Protein backbone atom coordinates (compact mmCIF):
# COMPACT_ATOMS: atom_id res chain seq x y z
CA MET A 1 17.43 17.52 -28.24
CA THR A 2 19.52 14.41 -28.93
CA LEU A 3 18.25 10.88 -28.70
CA PRO A 4 18.92 9.17 -25.37
CA THR A 5 21.94 6.85 -25.30
CA HIS A 6 22.89 7.61 -28.88
CA GLY A 7 26.56 7.38 -29.59
CA ASP A 8 28.82 7.52 -32.59
CA THR A 9 29.97 3.91 -32.40
CA ASN A 10 29.25 1.21 -34.96
CA GLY A 11 28.07 3.79 -37.49
CA VAL A 12 24.76 4.29 -35.66
CA ALA A 13 25.00 8.09 -35.74
CA SER A 14 25.11 8.09 -39.54
CA LEU A 15 21.79 6.26 -39.82
CA ASP A 16 18.28 7.67 -40.00
CA SER A 17 17.39 8.57 -36.39
CA GLY A 18 14.46 6.14 -36.32
CA HIS A 19 16.63 3.33 -37.72
CA ALA A 20 19.38 4.11 -35.21
CA ARG A 21 16.95 4.09 -32.31
CA LEU A 22 15.47 0.79 -33.52
CA LEU A 23 18.94 -0.78 -33.42
CA GLU A 24 19.47 0.58 -29.92
CA LEU A 25 16.22 -1.07 -28.88
CA GLY A 26 17.54 -4.36 -30.24
CA TYR A 27 15.72 -4.85 -33.55
CA LYS A 28 16.91 -5.35 -37.12
CA GLN A 29 15.52 -3.09 -39.84
CA GLU A 30 13.40 -5.67 -41.72
CA LEU A 31 10.61 -3.45 -43.09
CA LYS A 32 11.25 -0.83 -45.75
CA ARG A 33 11.70 2.60 -44.12
CA ASP A 34 10.06 4.61 -46.86
CA LEU A 35 7.28 6.65 -45.20
CA SER A 36 7.50 10.41 -44.70
CA PHE A 37 5.78 12.31 -41.90
CA ILE A 38 2.92 13.07 -44.32
CA SER A 39 2.50 9.36 -45.10
CA ASN A 40 2.60 8.40 -41.43
CA PHE A 41 0.04 11.08 -40.58
CA ALA A 42 -2.15 10.14 -43.56
CA LEU A 43 -2.46 6.51 -42.48
CA SER A 44 -3.56 7.46 -38.95
CA PHE A 45 -5.87 10.16 -40.28
CA SER A 46 -7.43 7.61 -42.63
CA VAL A 47 -7.91 5.14 -39.78
CA ILE A 48 -9.59 7.78 -37.61
CA SER A 49 -11.66 8.85 -40.67
CA VAL A 50 -14.28 11.27 -39.34
CA LEU A 51 -16.52 10.42 -42.29
CA THR A 52 -16.52 6.80 -41.14
CA GLY A 53 -17.03 7.22 -37.42
CA ILE A 54 -19.51 10.09 -37.45
CA THR A 55 -21.59 8.63 -40.28
CA THR A 56 -21.68 5.18 -38.70
CA LEU A 57 -22.77 6.33 -35.23
CA TYR A 58 -24.64 9.54 -36.04
CA ASN A 59 -27.84 7.68 -35.07
CA THR A 60 -26.42 7.21 -31.57
CA GLY A 61 -25.66 10.91 -31.22
CA LEU A 62 -29.11 11.91 -32.47
CA ASN A 63 -30.89 9.43 -30.21
CA TYR A 64 -28.97 10.28 -27.04
CA GLY A 65 -29.08 14.05 -26.71
CA GLY A 66 -29.27 15.09 -30.34
CA PRO A 67 -27.52 18.36 -31.33
CA ILE A 68 -26.25 19.07 -27.82
CA SER A 69 -24.51 15.68 -27.61
CA LEU A 70 -23.29 15.94 -31.19
CA GLN A 71 -21.76 19.40 -30.79
CA TYR A 72 -20.56 19.64 -27.21
CA GLY A 73 -19.97 15.94 -26.75
CA TRP A 74 -17.55 16.15 -29.66
CA PHE A 75 -15.46 18.77 -27.88
CA VAL A 76 -15.51 16.94 -24.55
CA ALA A 77 -14.28 13.71 -26.15
CA SER A 78 -11.82 15.63 -28.35
CA ALA A 79 -10.16 17.44 -25.44
CA PHE A 80 -9.53 14.27 -23.45
CA THR A 81 -8.54 12.29 -26.56
CA MET A 82 -5.86 14.88 -27.34
CA LEU A 83 -4.39 14.37 -23.86
CA VAL A 84 -4.26 10.60 -24.48
CA ALA A 85 -2.62 11.28 -27.87
CA LEU A 86 -0.02 13.63 -26.35
CA SER A 87 0.96 11.04 -23.75
CA MET A 88 1.21 8.32 -26.40
CA ALA A 89 3.26 10.61 -28.65
CA GLU A 90 5.79 11.23 -25.88
CA ILE A 91 6.29 7.50 -25.31
CA CYS A 92 6.37 6.80 -29.06
CA SER A 93 9.23 9.27 -29.44
CA SER A 94 11.32 7.24 -27.01
CA TYR A 95 10.33 3.80 -28.35
CA PRO A 96 9.60 4.00 -32.13
CA THR A 97 8.87 0.34 -32.93
CA SER A 98 6.06 -1.42 -34.81
CA GLY A 99 5.07 -3.15 -31.57
CA GLY A 100 4.08 0.21 -30.22
CA LEU A 101 1.94 -0.03 -27.11
CA TYR A 102 2.92 -3.50 -25.87
CA TYR A 103 6.62 -2.71 -26.30
CA TRP A 104 6.15 0.54 -24.40
CA SER A 105 4.46 -1.30 -21.52
CA ALA A 106 7.30 -3.83 -21.37
CA LYS A 107 9.92 -1.10 -21.07
CA LEU A 108 7.97 1.10 -18.68
CA ALA A 109 6.64 -1.55 -16.28
CA GLY A 110 10.13 -2.63 -15.20
CA PRO A 111 11.72 -6.11 -15.14
CA GLY A 112 9.31 -7.65 -12.63
CA TRP A 113 6.12 -6.72 -14.46
CA SER A 114 7.47 -6.45 -18.01
CA PRO A 115 6.28 -9.80 -19.49
CA PHE A 116 2.71 -9.61 -18.10
CA ALA A 117 2.35 -5.87 -18.86
CA SER A 118 3.53 -6.46 -22.41
CA TRP A 119 1.27 -9.48 -22.83
CA ILE A 120 -1.99 -7.90 -21.68
CA THR A 121 -1.34 -4.61 -23.50
CA GLY A 122 -0.49 -6.40 -26.74
CA TRP A 123 -3.52 -8.67 -26.69
CA PHE A 124 -5.95 -5.87 -25.86
CA ASN A 125 -4.40 -3.79 -28.63
CA ILE A 126 -4.56 -6.42 -31.33
CA VAL A 127 -8.07 -7.65 -30.41
CA GLY A 128 -9.25 -4.03 -30.36
CA GLN A 129 -7.68 -3.47 -33.77
CA TRP A 130 -9.30 -6.57 -35.26
CA ALA A 131 -12.65 -5.49 -33.81
CA GLY A 132 -12.09 -2.02 -35.25
CA THR A 133 -11.42 -3.37 -38.73
CA THR A 134 -14.47 -5.60 -38.40
CA SER A 135 -16.75 -2.71 -37.45
CA VAL A 136 -15.36 -0.42 -40.18
CA ASP A 137 -15.68 -2.89 -43.03
CA PHE A 138 -19.05 -4.14 -41.80
CA SER A 139 -20.20 -0.50 -41.72
CA LEU A 140 -19.13 -0.20 -45.35
CA ALA A 141 -21.06 -3.38 -46.20
CA GLN A 142 -24.14 -1.87 -44.55
CA MET A 143 -23.57 1.41 -46.41
CA ILE A 144 -23.46 -0.48 -49.73
CA GLN A 145 -26.73 -2.18 -48.77
CA VAL A 146 -28.32 1.24 -48.05
CA ILE A 147 -27.00 2.67 -51.34
CA ILE A 148 -28.57 -0.26 -53.22
CA LEU A 149 -31.83 0.16 -51.28
CA LEU A 150 -32.10 3.88 -52.11
CA SER A 151 -30.97 3.39 -55.72
CA THR A 152 -33.84 0.94 -56.28
CA GLY A 153 -36.56 3.19 -54.84
CA GLY A 154 -35.98 3.18 -51.08
CA LYS A 155 -37.75 1.12 -48.44
CA ASN A 156 -41.10 2.77 -49.14
CA GLY A 157 -40.74 2.43 -52.90
CA GLY A 158 -40.12 -1.31 -53.01
CA GLY A 159 -36.34 -0.99 -53.11
CA TYR A 160 -34.09 -4.05 -52.81
CA GLU A 161 -33.08 -4.74 -49.21
CA ALA A 162 -30.11 -7.10 -48.98
CA SER A 163 -30.31 -9.99 -46.52
CA LYS A 164 -27.86 -10.36 -43.64
CA TYR A 165 -26.09 -13.05 -45.67
CA MET A 166 -25.63 -10.63 -48.56
CA VAL A 167 -24.21 -8.01 -46.18
CA ILE A 168 -21.72 -10.59 -44.89
CA ALA A 169 -20.76 -11.36 -48.51
CA PHE A 170 -20.17 -7.64 -49.12
CA HIS A 171 -18.05 -7.55 -45.95
CA GLY A 172 -15.97 -10.52 -47.13
CA GLY A 173 -15.43 -8.94 -50.55
CA ILE A 174 -14.28 -5.67 -48.99
CA LEU A 175 -11.83 -7.48 -46.71
CA LEU A 176 -10.51 -9.44 -49.68
CA LEU A 177 -9.77 -6.19 -51.52
CA HIS A 178 -8.08 -4.77 -48.43
CA GLY A 179 -5.94 -7.88 -48.13
CA ILE A 180 -4.84 -7.63 -51.78
CA ILE A 181 -4.00 -3.92 -51.44
CA ASN A 182 -2.02 -4.53 -48.25
CA SER A 183 -0.02 -7.25 -50.00
CA LEU A 184 1.47 -4.57 -52.27
CA PRO A 185 4.72 -2.67 -51.49
CA ILE A 186 4.55 -0.02 -48.75
CA SER A 187 5.08 2.73 -51.36
CA VAL A 188 1.70 1.85 -52.90
CA ILE A 189 -0.02 1.74 -49.51
CA SER A 190 1.62 5.06 -48.64
CA PHE A 191 0.21 6.66 -51.79
CA LEU A 192 -3.27 5.25 -51.13
CA GLY A 193 -3.07 6.37 -47.50
CA GLN A 194 -2.34 9.93 -48.59
CA LEU A 195 -5.14 9.72 -51.14
CA GLY A 196 -7.46 8.54 -48.37
CA ALA A 197 -6.50 11.49 -46.15
CA ILE A 198 -7.12 13.96 -48.99
CA TRP A 199 -10.44 12.26 -49.79
CA ASN A 200 -11.56 12.56 -46.16
CA VAL A 201 -10.77 16.28 -45.95
CA ILE A 202 -12.28 17.18 -49.32
CA GLY A 203 -15.27 14.91 -48.72
CA VAL A 204 -16.06 16.59 -45.41
CA PHE A 205 -15.90 20.07 -46.92
CA VAL A 206 -18.07 19.05 -49.87
CA LEU A 207 -20.74 17.44 -47.69
CA MET A 208 -20.81 20.10 -44.97
CA ILE A 209 -21.45 22.75 -47.65
CA VAL A 210 -23.61 20.86 -50.16
CA ILE A 211 -26.11 19.14 -47.84
CA PRO A 212 -27.35 22.19 -45.89
CA SER A 213 -27.25 24.26 -49.11
CA VAL A 214 -29.45 21.80 -51.03
CA ALA A 215 -31.88 21.13 -48.15
CA THR A 216 -35.17 22.99 -48.62
CA GLU A 217 -35.75 22.88 -44.87
CA ARG A 218 -32.90 23.78 -42.54
CA ALA A 219 -32.59 23.73 -38.79
CA SER A 220 -32.15 27.02 -36.94
CA ALA A 221 -28.92 27.91 -35.18
CA LYS A 222 -30.84 27.68 -31.92
CA PHE A 223 -31.77 24.05 -32.69
CA VAL A 224 -28.24 23.10 -33.76
CA PHE A 225 -26.55 24.60 -30.69
CA THR A 226 -29.16 24.30 -27.93
CA HIS A 227 -31.65 21.49 -28.67
CA PHE A 228 -31.40 18.49 -26.36
CA ASN A 229 -33.22 15.36 -27.50
CA THR A 230 -34.65 13.39 -24.58
CA ASP A 231 -37.12 11.40 -26.69
CA ASN A 232 -34.90 8.34 -27.15
CA GLY A 233 -37.60 5.69 -26.77
CA ASP A 234 -35.25 3.69 -24.54
CA GLY A 235 -36.74 4.57 -21.17
CA ILE A 236 -33.85 6.89 -20.22
CA ASN A 237 -34.86 10.31 -18.90
CA SER A 238 -31.79 11.58 -17.02
CA ARG A 239 -30.20 14.34 -19.10
CA PRO A 240 -26.63 13.81 -17.82
CA TYR A 241 -26.95 10.06 -18.48
CA ILE A 242 -28.30 10.70 -22.00
CA PHE A 243 -25.46 13.13 -22.75
CA LEU A 244 -22.84 10.65 -21.58
CA LEU A 245 -24.31 7.85 -23.73
CA GLY A 246 -24.16 10.22 -26.70
CA LEU A 247 -20.37 10.48 -26.30
CA LEU A 248 -19.96 7.03 -27.88
CA MET A 249 -20.20 8.52 -31.38
CA SER A 250 -17.36 10.96 -30.74
CA GLN A 251 -15.12 8.53 -28.89
CA TYR A 252 -15.61 5.78 -31.48
CA THR A 253 -14.61 8.21 -34.22
CA LEU A 254 -11.47 9.42 -32.42
CA THR A 255 -9.86 5.99 -32.28
CA GLY A 256 -7.09 4.24 -34.20
CA TYR A 257 -4.31 6.83 -34.13
CA ASP A 258 -1.94 4.22 -32.72
CA ALA A 259 -1.49 3.39 -36.42
CA SER A 260 1.26 6.04 -36.50
CA ALA A 261 3.15 4.11 -33.81
CA HIS A 262 2.75 0.77 -35.61
CA MET A 263 4.17 2.31 -38.80
CA THR A 264 7.29 3.76 -37.13
CA GLU A 265 9.64 1.04 -38.42
CA GLU A 266 8.64 2.14 -41.92
CA THR A 267 8.80 5.88 -41.21
CA LYS A 268 11.82 8.12 -41.74
CA GLY A 269 12.90 9.96 -38.58
CA ALA A 270 10.32 7.95 -36.66
CA ASP A 271 11.35 9.24 -33.25
CA ARG A 272 10.09 12.65 -34.41
CA ASN A 273 7.63 11.88 -37.18
CA GLY A 274 5.77 9.11 -35.32
CA PRO A 275 4.71 11.47 -32.50
CA LYS A 276 3.92 14.22 -35.01
CA GLY A 277 1.75 11.75 -36.94
CA ILE A 278 -0.26 10.86 -33.81
CA ILE A 279 -0.85 14.45 -32.69
CA SER A 280 -1.58 15.94 -36.11
CA ALA A 281 -3.97 13.09 -37.06
CA VAL A 282 -6.02 13.67 -33.90
CA GLY A 283 -5.85 17.48 -34.10
CA ILE A 284 -6.94 17.75 -37.73
CA SER A 285 -9.64 15.10 -37.22
CA ILE A 286 -11.09 17.17 -34.37
CA ILE A 287 -11.39 20.26 -36.57
CA VAL A 288 -12.63 18.48 -39.69
CA GLY A 289 -15.01 16.28 -37.70
CA TRP A 290 -16.69 19.25 -36.03
CA GLY A 291 -17.22 20.86 -39.43
CA TYR A 292 -18.92 17.69 -40.69
CA ILE A 293 -21.17 17.43 -37.62
CA LEU A 294 -22.11 21.10 -37.89
CA GLY A 295 -22.92 20.98 -41.60
CA ILE A 296 -25.02 17.82 -41.40
CA THR A 297 -26.90 18.86 -38.27
CA PHE A 298 -28.16 22.01 -40.01
CA ALA A 299 -30.06 19.65 -42.32
CA VAL A 300 -31.80 17.88 -39.40
CA THR A 301 -35.43 18.90 -38.92
CA ASP A 302 -37.25 15.78 -37.70
CA ILE A 303 -35.21 13.50 -35.42
CA PRO A 304 -37.91 10.82 -34.83
CA TYR A 305 -38.41 10.41 -38.60
CA LEU A 306 -34.67 10.15 -39.30
CA LEU A 307 -34.37 7.37 -36.72
CA ASN A 308 -37.51 5.54 -37.85
CA GLU A 309 -36.72 2.15 -39.37
CA ASN A 310 -39.56 2.64 -41.85
CA ASN A 311 -38.05 5.64 -43.64
CA ASP A 312 -36.54 5.18 -47.11
CA ALA A 313 -33.04 4.51 -45.74
CA GLY A 314 -34.32 2.01 -43.18
CA GLY A 315 -33.47 4.23 -40.21
CA TYR A 316 -29.92 5.12 -41.33
CA ALA A 317 -30.10 8.79 -40.30
CA ILE A 318 -27.34 10.37 -42.41
CA ALA A 319 -28.37 8.39 -45.50
CA GLU A 320 -31.93 9.66 -45.06
CA ILE A 321 -30.67 13.25 -44.58
CA PHE A 322 -28.69 13.10 -47.83
CA TYR A 323 -31.49 11.40 -49.76
CA LEU A 324 -34.25 13.75 -48.59
CA ALA A 325 -32.20 16.90 -49.18
CA PHE A 326 -31.90 16.15 -52.89
CA LYS A 327 -35.30 14.49 -53.30
CA LYS A 328 -37.17 17.52 -51.95
CA ARG A 329 -35.09 19.93 -54.02
CA TYR A 330 -34.86 18.08 -57.34
CA GLY A 331 -37.57 15.43 -57.18
CA ASN A 332 -35.11 12.53 -56.88
CA GLY A 333 -32.47 11.47 -54.41
CA PHE A 334 -29.63 10.57 -56.78
CA GLY A 335 -27.50 13.47 -55.55
CA GLY A 336 -27.89 12.15 -52.02
CA ILE A 337 -26.82 8.68 -53.17
CA ALA A 338 -23.72 10.26 -54.76
CA CYS A 339 -22.95 11.87 -51.39
CA LEU A 340 -23.23 8.45 -49.75
CA VAL A 341 -20.71 7.11 -52.27
CA ILE A 342 -18.27 9.83 -51.11
CA VAL A 343 -18.66 8.51 -47.56
CA ALA A 344 -18.38 4.89 -48.73
CA VAL A 345 -15.03 5.57 -50.42
CA ALA A 346 -13.76 7.22 -47.21
CA ILE A 347 -14.83 4.15 -45.22
CA PHE A 348 -13.01 1.95 -47.75
CA PHE A 349 -9.77 3.89 -47.20
CA CYS A 350 -10.31 3.67 -43.43
CA GLY A 351 -10.63 -0.12 -43.59
CA MET A 352 -7.59 -0.37 -45.83
CA SER A 353 -5.43 1.59 -43.38
CA SER A 354 -6.86 -0.39 -40.46
CA VAL A 355 -5.64 -3.64 -42.02
CA THR A 356 -2.22 -2.03 -42.55
CA SER A 357 -2.02 -1.13 -38.86
CA ASN A 358 -3.38 -4.56 -37.78
CA SER A 359 -0.81 -6.42 -39.81
CA ARG A 360 2.14 -4.41 -38.41
CA MET A 361 0.93 -5.03 -34.88
CA ALA A 362 0.56 -8.77 -35.58
CA TYR A 363 4.01 -8.79 -37.23
CA ALA A 364 5.68 -7.18 -34.22
CA PHE A 365 3.76 -9.17 -31.59
CA SER A 366 4.58 -12.46 -33.31
CA ARG A 367 8.22 -11.37 -33.78
CA ASP A 368 8.37 -11.36 -30.00
CA GLY A 369 6.76 -14.81 -29.82
CA ALA A 370 3.46 -13.78 -28.21
CA MET A 371 1.06 -15.30 -30.75
CA PRO A 372 0.32 -18.93 -31.64
CA LEU A 373 2.36 -19.92 -34.73
CA SER A 374 4.44 -16.77 -34.26
CA SER A 375 7.11 -17.84 -36.74
CA LEU A 376 4.48 -17.79 -39.48
CA TRP A 377 3.03 -14.32 -38.81
CA HIS A 378 6.27 -12.34 -38.76
CA LYS A 379 7.53 -13.57 -42.12
CA VAL A 380 8.34 -10.73 -44.55
CA ASN A 381 8.14 -11.21 -48.34
CA LYS A 382 10.41 -9.83 -51.09
CA GLN A 383 8.52 -6.53 -51.06
CA GLU A 384 9.32 -6.27 -47.32
CA VAL A 385 5.64 -6.70 -46.42
CA PRO A 386 4.50 -8.95 -43.50
CA ILE A 387 2.24 -10.82 -45.90
CA ASN A 388 1.00 -13.57 -43.58
CA ALA A 389 0.10 -11.03 -40.90
CA VAL A 390 -1.97 -9.14 -43.46
CA TRP A 391 -4.10 -12.18 -44.33
CA LEU A 392 -4.37 -13.25 -40.69
CA SER A 393 -5.90 -9.84 -39.91
CA VAL A 394 -8.31 -10.16 -42.83
CA PHE A 395 -9.39 -13.67 -41.79
CA ILE A 396 -10.00 -12.81 -38.13
CA SER A 397 -11.93 -9.64 -39.03
CA PHE A 398 -14.18 -11.71 -41.27
CA CYS A 399 -14.78 -14.30 -38.54
CA MET A 400 -15.67 -11.58 -36.03
CA ALA A 401 -18.37 -10.23 -38.37
CA LEU A 402 -20.05 -13.65 -38.50
CA THR A 403 -21.54 -12.84 -35.09
CA SER A 404 -23.98 -10.57 -36.95
CA LEU A 405 -25.68 -13.64 -38.42
CA GLY A 406 -26.70 -14.74 -34.94
CA SER A 407 -27.52 -11.40 -33.37
CA ILE A 408 -26.94 -7.82 -34.46
CA VAL A 409 -26.81 -6.99 -30.73
CA ALA A 410 -23.84 -9.32 -30.33
CA PHE A 411 -22.15 -7.71 -33.32
CA GLU A 412 -22.77 -4.20 -31.95
CA ALA A 413 -20.60 -5.19 -29.00
CA MET A 414 -17.73 -5.20 -31.55
CA VAL A 415 -17.99 -1.43 -31.82
CA SER A 416 -17.59 -1.05 -28.08
CA ILE A 417 -14.78 -3.62 -27.99
CA ALA A 418 -13.00 -1.61 -30.66
CA VAL A 419 -13.23 1.50 -28.47
CA ILE A 420 -12.66 0.05 -25.00
CA ASP A 421 -10.01 -2.58 -25.81
CA LEU A 422 -7.98 -0.06 -27.82
CA TYR A 423 -8.22 2.62 -25.16
CA ILE A 424 -7.25 0.17 -22.42
CA ALA A 425 -4.20 -0.67 -24.53
CA TYR A 426 -3.55 3.07 -24.95
CA ALA A 427 -3.85 3.70 -21.20
CA LEU A 428 -1.68 0.86 -19.87
CA PRO A 429 1.72 2.16 -21.06
CA ILE A 430 0.70 5.69 -20.02
CA PHE A 431 -0.19 4.33 -16.56
CA PHE A 432 3.19 2.62 -16.27
CA ARG A 433 4.93 5.79 -17.46
CA VAL A 434 3.34 7.90 -14.67
CA THR A 435 3.81 5.26 -11.95
CA LEU A 436 6.52 2.59 -12.20
CA ALA A 437 8.60 4.53 -14.75
CA ARG A 438 7.97 8.00 -13.35
CA LYS A 439 11.59 8.53 -12.33
CA HIS A 440 13.49 6.54 -14.94
CA PHE A 441 11.58 7.28 -18.18
CA VAL A 442 13.96 8.88 -20.72
CA PRO A 443 12.03 10.94 -23.29
CA GLY A 444 12.88 11.12 -26.97
CA PRO A 445 12.94 14.26 -29.14
CA PHE A 446 9.25 14.90 -28.37
CA SER A 447 8.69 15.48 -24.66
CA LEU A 448 5.91 16.96 -22.54
CA GLY A 449 8.49 17.94 -19.95
CA ARG A 450 7.14 18.61 -16.46
CA TYR A 451 3.56 18.34 -17.77
CA GLY A 452 4.02 14.70 -18.78
CA ILE A 453 2.85 13.28 -15.43
CA ILE A 454 -0.31 15.36 -15.06
CA VAL A 455 -1.30 14.88 -18.72
CA GLY A 456 -0.70 11.15 -18.34
CA TRP A 457 -2.86 10.85 -15.22
CA ILE A 458 -5.75 12.74 -16.82
CA ALA A 459 -5.48 10.47 -19.88
CA VAL A 460 -5.61 7.32 -17.73
CA LEU A 461 -8.61 8.58 -15.72
CA TRP A 462 -10.45 9.42 -18.95
CA VAL A 463 -9.97 5.87 -20.23
CA VAL A 464 -11.30 4.48 -16.93
CA THR A 465 -14.30 6.82 -17.26
CA ILE A 466 -15.24 5.82 -20.82
CA SER A 467 -14.67 2.13 -20.07
CA ILE A 468 -17.30 2.35 -17.33
CA LEU A 469 -19.53 4.67 -19.34
CA PHE A 470 -19.78 2.48 -22.42
CA SER A 471 -20.58 -0.55 -20.26
CA LEU A 472 -23.70 1.05 -18.77
CA PRO A 473 -27.24 0.03 -19.86
CA VAL A 474 -28.47 1.95 -22.93
CA SER A 475 -32.11 0.94 -22.60
CA TYR A 476 -34.64 0.21 -19.87
CA PRO A 477 -36.12 -2.14 -18.87
CA ILE A 478 -33.12 -4.41 -19.33
CA THR A 479 -33.89 -7.60 -21.29
CA ILE A 480 -31.93 -10.10 -23.38
CA GLU A 481 -32.54 -7.90 -26.41
CA THR A 482 -31.66 -4.57 -24.75
CA LEU A 483 -28.74 -5.67 -22.55
CA ASN A 484 -25.48 -3.84 -23.21
CA TYR A 485 -23.15 -6.73 -23.99
CA THR A 486 -20.02 -4.57 -23.91
CA PRO A 487 -18.89 -5.54 -20.38
CA VAL A 488 -19.57 -9.18 -21.25
CA ALA A 489 -17.50 -8.95 -24.43
CA VAL A 490 -14.63 -7.02 -22.84
CA GLY A 491 -14.75 -9.31 -19.80
CA CYS A 492 -14.47 -12.37 -22.05
CA VAL A 493 -11.42 -10.86 -23.76
CA PHE A 494 -9.85 -10.18 -20.35
CA ILE A 495 -10.58 -13.70 -19.04
CA LEU A 496 -9.22 -15.35 -22.19
CA VAL A 497 -6.05 -13.23 -22.24
CA VAL A 498 -5.30 -13.72 -18.54
CA SER A 499 -6.16 -17.44 -18.66
CA TYR A 500 -3.89 -17.91 -21.66
CA TRP A 501 -1.15 -16.18 -19.64
CA ILE A 502 -1.66 -18.28 -16.49
CA ILE A 503 -1.97 -21.61 -18.28
CA THR A 504 0.89 -21.27 -20.74
CA GLY A 505 2.10 -17.76 -21.59
CA ARG A 506 3.91 -17.07 -18.31
CA HIS A 507 6.13 -20.09 -18.87
CA TRP A 508 7.61 -18.90 -22.17
CA PHE A 509 6.75 -15.27 -22.93
CA LYS A 510 9.45 -13.02 -21.50
CA GLY A 511 8.45 -9.80 -23.23
CA PRO A 512 9.94 -8.22 -26.36
CA ILE A 513 12.83 -10.24 -27.82
CA THR A 514 15.74 -8.41 -29.41
CA ASN A 515 17.05 -9.81 -32.70
CA VAL A 516 20.37 -7.99 -33.11
CA GLU A 517 23.61 -8.33 -31.22
CA LYS A 518 24.33 -5.24 -29.11
C-alpha cells in the first residue's frame, strides 16, 4: 500500500518514507533519523517495563482481589489496551511526527475544532508523561531505600530506613543521571534502549524461574488461579468492586507506548515502523508481564504478612517475597536483594526512556508554539538532540515529586494522573478519528480497514471506564487521609489547561505550525 498523497515531485519519493511523509505534513527533518524498528520498539518496551509497573503496584493487586485480580485482571486490561494500541498505531501510520497524539487530534478534529483539540490533547499528554516519569523515578528511589533497608538487616533487624528527604535526594540523583544520558546522541540512547528491553525480558525470565524455585513454601495452583482476597482492611466487601480496583496495577503497567509515536521523526520508515513499535511493545509486554505475575504469585503464601508495614521490607510485598525466599532457603536474604537490583536496573532504564519520550513531546509541542517560552524548548544542539526539552522534563519531574514531602497520599495521585491523563490523551485522537474524521481519514501503510471504527469505539469506551474506575473511593469510611485524590488532581489539570486556553491560548495557538514551504 502506498502512502497517501505521495508523489514523485521534488525528490520526495527518493527519501525514506517517514522523512517523505514528514515533509508532506509540513515539517523539516531536524532530528537525526537513525532508529530502526527494533530501537523504536525497545524504547516503548522499556517505558512500559513490566518489571517496573508490576513490582511497583503489586501491593495494590494483592490487596484488591489478590491472585484473581493479578491473573485475570491482567488479561482484561491487556485485551482492551491492545485495542487502544491498534487504534493509535493506525493513526500513527498516517501521521508519523514527534508531536504524536496532539498532532493527530489537530488533523482529525477538522478546521473548526483543530486548535482546541490539539491543545487539550497535547497538554494532557505531556502532563501525563511528566507524572509518569515522576512516578517511575520515585519508585526507583523507594526501591533503593528498600534495598538499603534489607541490606542493613531489615526493618526488624535495625536496618537503616531512609527519611523522606533522603528518598527525594535519591529521586533527584536518578533524574540527573537520566538528564545526562538523554543529552547524548540518539545512537547512544538507542543502544541503551535496546539494552533496557533485553534486560527487561531476561530479568523477567530469571525472576519468574528463580523465586518460586528457591522458595521453601510455594502456593498451590488452586491458590494462584482461584483465590480471591477480600481481606483488604479498607472497608470494601463487594467482590466486583474489589476486582475493578485491582485493575490499577495492570493498567498502570501497560502505559507509555506512545513513546514509539514520539520517536517517529528519528525512526527509519516511521510510517511502518512506528505502528509496529507500538503494537509489538504492548503485545510482548502482555506475554512477559503475565509470566512475571505467574512466577511471583507462586511464591505468595501469606498475603496479610506481605502487606504488613512491619515486615522486613516495610510492607513492600515483592521485596519481602524475594527476601524471604532466599532467607528461608539459605539463612540470609542477599540473593533476594540481588533480585531487587535486577528490578531496580529495569526501573532505571524505564525512567531513562520516559525522559526521552517526554523531551520529544516537549520539543514538538513547543515547535508548534503551545508552551511558554516555546522558542527555548525546541532548540536542537549539534548532536541533533532537543537538549533544553530534556532538562525541562527532568526539572518538572523533580518538582512533581516534591509533593511527597507534604503527603504521600498527594504523591500517590501522580500514579493515577500518569494513567488517566495519558489515556485521555490516547483516546481523544481515536475519538476524533471515529467521529469527525470518520469519512475523510486517510490511513497510512498500517490500516485496520473496516474494523477501524469498531476497534476505535471500544478503545474510547475503555478509557472512559478506567477514568471513572480509578477515580472511585479505595477505602471506607472516606476521610482526608483515605480520600482518592485522583479526580481532584485530574480535575485541576483540566481546569488549568482549559483556563489557560480561554484566557490566552485561544488568541494565538492555531494548532500545529508547518515549518517548510510546500
